[in-house]
């Protein structure tokens, strides 16, 4: 399963581990994803989303329907 936030679009990025000797080896940075159920009062149902911590804060701030509409517009949800 993909490691992409369905609200913000955050995904895995790559970078380097840097040791004390300054040797660089490749590594991956994963988003802080949580699987959460949200109640959508307009539809009177629950939906399950895989969202990052930043996505949860965004939902708390502007509401679930505004976030879902924004995610559909940006292509994060199908």
N, C-alpha and C. Protein backbone atom coordinates (compact mmCIF):
# COMPACT_ATOMS: atom_id res chain seq x y z
N UNK A 1 0.84 -1.18 0.00
CA UNK A 1 0.00 0.00 0.00
C UNK A 1 0.89 1.24 0.00
N UNK A 2 0.44 2.28 -0.70
CA UNK A 2 1.26 3.47 -0.86
C UNK A 2 1.33 4.26 0.44
N UNK A 3 2.43 4.97 0.61
CA UNK A 3 2.63 5.80 1.78
C UNK A 3 2.44 7.26 1.39
N UNK A 4 1.18 7.60 1.05
CA UNK A 4 0.84 8.95 0.62
C UNK A 4 -0.37 9.43 1.42
N UNK A 5 -0.27 10.64 1.95
CA UNK A 5 -1.39 11.24 2.67
C UNK A 5 -2.49 11.58 1.68
N UNK A 6 -3.72 11.19 2.00
CA UNK A 6 -4.85 11.42 1.10
C UNK A 6 -5.41 12.83 1.20
N UNK A 7 -4.94 13.62 2.15
CA UNK A 7 -5.41 14.99 2.30
C UNK A 7 -4.36 16.00 1.83
N UNK A 8 -3.11 15.85 2.26
CA UNK A 8 -2.08 16.82 1.92
C UNK A 8 -1.19 16.38 0.77
N UNK A 9 -1.20 15.10 0.43
CA UNK A 9 -0.35 14.61 -0.66
C UNK A 9 1.08 14.36 -0.26
N UNK A 10 1.39 14.44 1.04
CA UNK A 10 2.75 14.16 1.48
C UNK A 10 3.10 12.72 1.16
N UNK A 11 4.35 12.48 0.72
CA UNK A 11 4.78 11.13 0.37
C UNK A 11 6.23 10.93 0.76
N UNK A 12 6.74 9.75 0.50
CA UNK A 12 8.10 9.40 0.86
C UNK A 12 9.07 10.24 0.04
N UNK A 13 10.11 10.78 0.71
CA UNK A 13 11.19 11.46 0.01
C UNK A 13 12.49 10.78 0.39
N UNK A 14 13.51 10.99 -0.40
CA UNK A 14 14.79 10.33 -0.13
C UNK A 14 15.84 11.36 0.24
N UNK A 15 16.84 10.87 0.94
CA UNK A 15 17.93 11.72 1.38
C UNK A 15 19.12 10.86 1.73
N UNK A 16 19.97 11.38 2.58
CA UNK A 16 21.19 10.68 2.95
C UNK A 16 21.29 10.47 4.45
N UNK A 17 21.79 9.30 4.86
CA UNK A 17 22.33 9.13 6.20
C UNK A 17 23.75 9.66 6.14
N UNK A 18 24.13 10.48 7.11
CA UNK A 18 25.48 11.02 7.13
C UNK A 18 26.13 10.56 8.42
N UNK A 19 27.18 9.74 8.29
CA UNK A 19 27.85 9.20 9.46
C UNK A 19 28.84 10.21 10.02
N UNK A 20 29.46 9.84 11.13
CA UNK A 20 30.46 10.71 11.76
C UNK A 20 31.64 10.94 10.83
N UNK A 21 31.96 9.95 9.99
CA UNK A 21 33.06 10.10 9.03
C UNK A 21 32.63 10.83 7.77
N UNK A 22 31.37 11.30 7.75
CA UNK A 22 30.78 12.06 6.64
C UNK A 22 30.53 11.19 5.41
N UNK A 23 30.45 9.88 5.59
CA UNK A 23 30.06 9.00 4.50
C UNK A 23 28.56 9.12 4.30
N UNK A 24 28.13 9.19 3.04
CA UNK A 24 26.71 9.36 2.71
C UNK A 24 26.16 8.06 2.16
N UNK A 25 25.08 7.57 2.76
CA UNK A 25 24.34 6.43 2.22
C UNK A 25 22.87 6.84 2.10
N UNK A 26 22.19 6.31 1.09
CA UNK A 26 20.83 6.72 0.83
C UNK A 26 19.86 6.18 1.87
N UNK A 27 18.82 6.97 2.16
CA UNK A 27 17.78 6.57 3.08
C UNK A 27 16.47 7.17 2.62
N UNK A 28 15.38 6.79 3.28
CA UNK A 28 14.06 7.30 2.95
C UNK A 28 13.45 7.98 4.17
N UNK A 29 12.75 9.07 3.93
CA UNK A 29 12.01 9.78 4.96
C UNK A 29 10.53 9.51 4.73
N UNK A 30 9.88 8.90 5.70
CA UNK A 30 8.47 8.53 5.57
C UNK A 30 7.58 9.56 6.25
N UNK A 31 6.40 9.84 5.68
CA UNK A 31 5.46 10.74 6.35
C UNK A 31 4.82 10.05 7.55
N UNK A 32 4.37 10.85 8.51
CA UNK A 32 3.74 10.32 9.72
C UNK A 32 2.28 10.02 9.42
N UNK A 33 2.01 8.84 8.84
CA UNK A 33 0.67 8.48 8.41
C UNK A 33 -0.10 7.73 9.49
N UNK A 34 -1.37 8.06 9.60
CA UNK A 34 -2.29 7.40 10.51
C UNK A 34 -3.52 7.00 9.72
N UNK A 35 -4.09 5.84 10.03
CA UNK A 35 -5.36 5.44 9.44
C UNK A 35 -6.46 5.84 10.42
N UNK A 36 -7.33 6.78 9.97
CA UNK A 36 -8.35 7.33 10.86
C UNK A 36 -9.70 7.32 10.19
N UNK A 37 -10.75 7.16 11.02
CA UNK A 37 -12.13 7.27 10.54
C UNK A 37 -12.64 8.67 10.88
N UNK A 38 -13.29 9.29 9.90
CA UNK A 38 -13.86 10.62 10.08
C UNK A 38 -15.34 10.56 9.76
N UNK A 39 -16.13 11.30 10.54
CA UNK A 39 -17.57 11.40 10.30
C UNK A 39 -17.83 12.58 9.37
N UNK A 40 -18.57 12.33 8.30
CA UNK A 40 -18.94 13.37 7.35
C UNK A 40 -20.42 13.67 7.55
N UNK A 41 -20.76 14.76 8.23
CA UNK A 41 -22.16 15.02 8.54
C UNK A 41 -23.01 15.30 7.30
N UNK A 42 -22.42 15.89 6.25
CA UNK A 42 -23.18 16.17 5.03
C UNK A 42 -23.66 14.89 4.35
N UNK A 43 -22.86 13.82 4.44
CA UNK A 43 -23.21 12.53 3.85
C UNK A 43 -23.80 11.57 4.88
N UNK A 44 -23.74 11.93 6.16
CA UNK A 44 -24.21 11.10 7.27
C UNK A 44 -23.57 9.71 7.24
N UNK A 45 -22.22 9.69 7.11
CA UNK A 45 -21.49 8.43 7.08
C UNK A 45 -20.05 8.65 7.54
N UNK A 46 -19.38 7.56 7.84
CA UNK A 46 -17.98 7.59 8.21
C UNK A 46 -17.13 7.21 7.00
N UNK A 47 -15.95 7.84 6.90
CA UNK A 47 -14.99 7.44 5.88
C UNK A 47 -13.66 7.17 6.56
N UNK A 48 -12.89 6.26 6.00
CA UNK A 48 -11.56 5.93 6.52
C UNK A 48 -10.53 6.51 5.58
N UNK A 49 -9.62 7.30 6.13
CA UNK A 49 -8.57 7.93 5.35
C UNK A 49 -7.21 7.62 5.94
N UNK A 50 -6.20 7.57 5.09
CA UNK A 50 -4.82 7.47 5.54
C UNK A 50 -4.24 8.88 5.46
N UNK A 51 -4.08 9.52 6.62
CA UNK A 51 -3.70 10.93 6.66
C UNK A 51 -2.46 11.12 7.52
N UNK A 52 -1.71 12.17 7.19
CA UNK A 52 -0.55 12.53 7.99
C UNK A 52 -1.01 13.35 9.19
N UNK A 53 -0.11 13.59 10.12
CA UNK A 53 -0.43 14.40 11.29
C UNK A 53 -0.81 15.81 10.85
N UNK A 54 -0.15 16.33 9.82
CA UNK A 54 -0.49 17.65 9.30
C UNK A 54 -1.88 17.63 8.66
N UNK A 55 -2.25 16.52 8.04
CA UNK A 55 -3.58 16.39 7.46
C UNK A 55 -4.67 16.38 8.52
N UNK A 56 -4.41 15.74 9.65
CA UNK A 56 -5.37 15.72 10.75
C UNK A 56 -5.58 17.13 11.29
N UNK A 57 -4.49 17.89 11.44
CA UNK A 57 -4.59 19.27 11.90
C UNK A 57 -5.37 20.14 10.90
N UNK A 58 -5.15 19.88 9.61
CA UNK A 58 -5.87 20.63 8.57
C UNK A 58 -7.36 20.34 8.64
N UNK A 59 -7.72 19.06 8.84
CA UNK A 59 -9.14 18.69 8.96
C UNK A 59 -9.76 19.35 10.18
N UNK A 60 -9.03 19.38 11.30
CA UNK A 60 -9.53 20.03 12.51
C UNK A 60 -9.74 21.53 12.29
N UNK A 61 -8.90 22.14 11.46
CA UNK A 61 -8.96 23.59 11.27
C UNK A 61 -10.06 24.01 10.30
N UNK A 62 -10.13 23.37 9.11
CA UNK A 62 -11.07 23.86 8.10
C UNK A 62 -12.26 22.94 7.85
N UNK A 63 -12.24 21.74 8.43
CA UNK A 63 -13.38 20.84 8.29
C UNK A 63 -13.13 19.74 7.28
N UNK A 64 -13.85 18.64 7.44
CA UNK A 64 -13.61 17.45 6.62
C UNK A 64 -14.08 17.68 5.18
N UNK A 65 -15.23 18.32 4.96
CA UNK A 65 -15.73 18.50 3.60
C UNK A 65 -14.84 19.43 2.78
N UNK A 66 -14.35 20.49 3.39
CA UNK A 66 -13.45 21.41 2.68
C UNK A 66 -12.15 20.69 2.31
N UNK A 67 -11.65 19.85 3.21
CA UNK A 67 -10.42 19.09 2.93
C UNK A 67 -10.65 18.06 1.83
N UNK A 68 -11.79 17.37 1.87
CA UNK A 68 -12.09 16.38 0.83
C UNK A 68 -12.23 17.04 -0.53
N UNK A 69 -12.92 18.17 -0.60
CA UNK A 69 -13.07 18.88 -1.87
C UNK A 69 -11.72 19.35 -2.40
N UNK A 70 -10.87 19.84 -1.51
CA UNK A 70 -9.53 20.29 -1.90
C UNK A 70 -8.69 19.12 -2.39
N UNK A 71 -8.79 17.96 -1.71
CA UNK A 71 -8.02 16.79 -2.11
C UNK A 71 -8.49 16.25 -3.46
N UNK A 72 -9.79 16.28 -3.71
CA UNK A 72 -10.31 15.86 -5.02
C UNK A 72 -9.81 16.79 -6.12
N UNK A 73 -9.82 18.10 -5.86
CA UNK A 73 -9.37 19.08 -6.85
C UNK A 73 -7.89 18.89 -7.19
N UNK A 74 -7.07 18.60 -6.17
CA UNK A 74 -5.64 18.43 -6.39
C UNK A 74 -5.25 17.04 -6.86
N UNK A 75 -6.21 16.09 -6.82
CA UNK A 75 -5.94 14.76 -7.33
C UNK A 75 -5.38 13.78 -6.32
N UNK A 76 -5.43 14.12 -5.03
CA UNK A 76 -4.93 13.21 -3.99
C UNK A 76 -5.92 12.08 -3.72
N UNK A 77 -7.21 12.34 -3.93
CA UNK A 77 -8.26 11.34 -3.79
C UNK A 77 -8.90 11.12 -5.15
N UNK A 78 -9.41 9.91 -5.36
CA UNK A 78 -10.04 9.61 -6.64
C UNK A 78 -11.53 9.48 -6.49
